[in-house]
């Protein structure tokens, strides 16, 4: 059963070898973690924009081979609800991708794993964990 939605920054820590999901989780992490389609976009952008695009694209390809990717369509209603909420609170988010990722986690009843806790702290009903805090 999927429990966690990994934010892009957590995936980048993993890809750079700075964070081992097996150290954080006792279970097989690939069976309980997933990512958003938005994270796929951001990972490929990061690879393309890196100093070694081919090497980093291959690393992203390998990472994506065995992880569940949730479609953006899984959160469309929650996205609209959250966007209206933030606008009415006078706190419109400046990053649409964060709004979609947070909405994906909420709509699918998942805990969002991120190092950008401040970007998501005002989301209603969003559970957040920061595995990067466990980094040496």
Protein backbone atom coordinates (compact mmCIF):
# COMPACT_ATOMS: atom_id res chain seq x y z
CA UNK A 1 0.00 0.00 0.00
CA UNK A 2 1.40 3.37 -1.03
CA UNK A 3 1.93 5.71 1.93
CA UNK A 4 4.33 8.41 0.75
CA UNK A 5 4.55 10.93 -2.08
CA UNK A 6 8.16 11.98 -2.58
CA UNK A 7 8.72 15.63 -3.44
CA UNK A 8 11.27 16.43 -6.10
CA UNK A 9 13.94 17.62 -3.67
CA UNK A 10 13.85 14.30 -1.80
CA UNK A 11 14.28 12.45 -5.10
CA UNK A 12 17.26 14.67 -5.93
CA UNK A 13 18.87 13.84 -2.56
CA UNK A 14 18.38 10.16 -3.40
CA UNK A 15 19.77 10.52 -6.94
CA UNK A 16 22.84 12.33 -5.62
CA UNK A 17 23.46 9.56 -3.09
CA UNK A 18 22.82 11.84 -0.13
CA UNK A 19 19.76 9.98 1.17
CA UNK A 20 19.10 6.25 1.26
CA UNK A 21 15.40 5.48 1.49
CA UNK A 22 16.27 2.06 2.91
CA UNK A 23 17.84 3.79 5.92
CA UNK A 24 14.63 5.74 6.57
CA UNK A 25 12.14 2.96 5.89
CA UNK A 26 12.19 -0.60 7.16
CA UNK A 27 10.00 -1.84 4.29
CA UNK A 28 10.82 -1.98 0.60
CA UNK A 29 10.54 1.73 -0.18
CA UNK A 30 9.46 1.19 -3.79
CA UNK A 31 6.29 -0.56 -2.60
CA UNK A 32 5.16 2.31 -0.35
CA UNK A 33 6.48 5.42 -2.13
CA UNK A 34 5.40 7.18 -5.30
CA UNK A 35 5.94 10.46 -7.11
CA UNK A 36 3.81 12.93 -9.04
CA UNK A 37 4.01 13.45 -12.78
CA UNK A 38 5.18 16.94 -11.85
CA UNK A 39 8.23 15.46 -10.14
CA UNK A 40 9.04 13.59 -13.34
CA UNK A 41 9.00 16.91 -15.23
CA UNK A 42 11.21 18.58 -12.65
CA UNK A 43 13.71 15.69 -12.56
CA UNK A 44 14.10 15.68 -16.34
CA UNK A 45 14.46 19.45 -16.37
CA UNK A 46 17.17 19.22 -13.70
CA UNK A 47 19.00 16.54 -15.67
CA UNK A 48 18.82 18.54 -18.92
CA UNK A 49 20.02 21.68 -17.13
CA UNK A 50 22.93 19.90 -15.40
CA UNK A 51 26.63 19.85 -16.25
CA UNK A 52 26.25 16.26 -17.56
CA UNK A 53 22.76 15.96 -19.09
CA UNK A 54 23.12 12.45 -20.51
CA UNK A 55 24.46 10.93 -17.29
CA UNK A 56 21.77 12.59 -15.19
CA UNK A 57 18.99 11.66 -17.63
CA UNK A 58 20.08 8.04 -17.40
CA UNK A 59 19.99 8.25 -13.60
CA UNK A 60 16.45 9.67 -13.76
CA UNK A 61 15.40 6.98 -16.25
CA UNK A 62 16.71 4.27 -13.92
CA UNK A 63 14.98 5.82 -10.89
CA UNK A 64 11.66 5.99 -12.78
CA UNK A 65 11.76 2.36 -13.93
CA UNK A 66 10.47 1.00 -10.64
CA UNK A 67 8.49 3.75 -8.98
CA UNK A 68 4.81 4.48 -9.25
CA UNK A 69 4.01 7.82 -10.91
CA UNK A 70 0.66 9.34 -9.98
CA UNK A 71 -1.06 11.26 -12.76
CA UNK A 72 -1.99 14.88 -12.27
CA UNK A 73 -5.59 13.89 -13.02
CA UNK A 74 -5.70 12.21 -9.60
CA UNK A 75 -5.82 15.61 -7.92
CA UNK A 76 -7.76 17.99 -10.17
CA UNK A 77 -10.61 18.64 -7.75
CA UNK A 78 -8.25 18.95 -4.76
CA UNK A 79 -6.03 21.32 -6.74
CA UNK A 80 -8.99 23.62 -7.43
CA UNK A 81 -10.11 23.44 -3.79
CA UNK A 82 -6.62 24.24 -2.50
CA UNK A 83 -6.04 27.07 -4.96
CA UNK A 84 -9.32 28.72 -3.96
CA UNK A 85 -8.44 28.21 -0.28
CA UNK A 86 -5.04 29.89 -0.64
CA UNK A 87 -6.45 32.77 -2.70
CA UNK A 88 -9.23 33.42 -0.16
CA UNK A 89 -6.67 33.31 2.67
CA UNK A 90 -4.60 35.89 0.82
CA UNK A 91 -1.75 33.41 0.45
CA UNK A 92 -1.63 32.47 -3.22
CA UNK A 93 1.22 30.04 -3.82
CA UNK A 94 3.86 31.28 -6.19
CA UNK A 95 4.78 27.80 -7.36
CA UNK A 96 2.03 25.97 -9.21
CA UNK A 97 4.09 22.79 -9.16
CA UNK A 98 4.11 22.79 -5.34
CA UNK A 99 0.36 23.34 -5.37
CA UNK A 100 -0.12 20.34 -7.66
CA UNK A 101 2.27 18.13 -5.66
CA UNK A 102 0.64 19.05 -2.35
CA UNK A 103 -2.80 18.51 -3.84
CA UNK A 104 -1.72 15.12 -5.20
CA UNK A 105 -0.62 14.02 -1.74
CA UNK A 106 -3.82 15.26 -0.12
CA UNK A 107 -6.16 13.82 -2.77
CA UNK A 108 -4.51 10.41 -2.51
CA UNK A 109 -4.28 10.43 1.32
CA UNK A 110 -0.49 10.26 1.25
CA UNK A 111 2.18 11.76 3.46
CA UNK A 112 4.31 14.22 1.50
CA UNK A 113 8.04 13.75 2.03
CA UNK A 114 9.84 17.04 1.39
CA UNK A 115 12.72 19.18 2.54
CA UNK A 116 10.65 22.27 1.64
CA UNK A 117 8.32 22.03 4.62
CA UNK A 118 7.70 25.80 4.57
CA UNK A 119 6.27 25.57 1.03
CA UNK A 120 3.58 23.14 2.19
CA UNK A 121 2.94 24.03 5.85
CA UNK A 122 -0.33 25.88 5.17
CA UNK A 123 -1.97 23.10 3.15
CA UNK A 124 -5.13 21.94 4.90
CA UNK A 125 -5.06 18.26 5.90
CA UNK A 126 -1.61 17.60 4.42
CA UNK A 127 0.68 15.28 6.36
CA UNK A 128 4.37 16.11 5.92
CA UNK A 129 7.62 14.37 6.81
CA UNK A 130 11.14 15.64 6.19
CA UNK A 131 13.52 12.73 5.67
CA UNK A 132 16.33 15.16 4.84
CA UNK A 133 16.48 16.00 8.55
CA UNK A 134 17.99 12.53 8.99
CA UNK A 135 20.93 13.41 6.73
CA UNK A 136 24.35 13.51 8.42
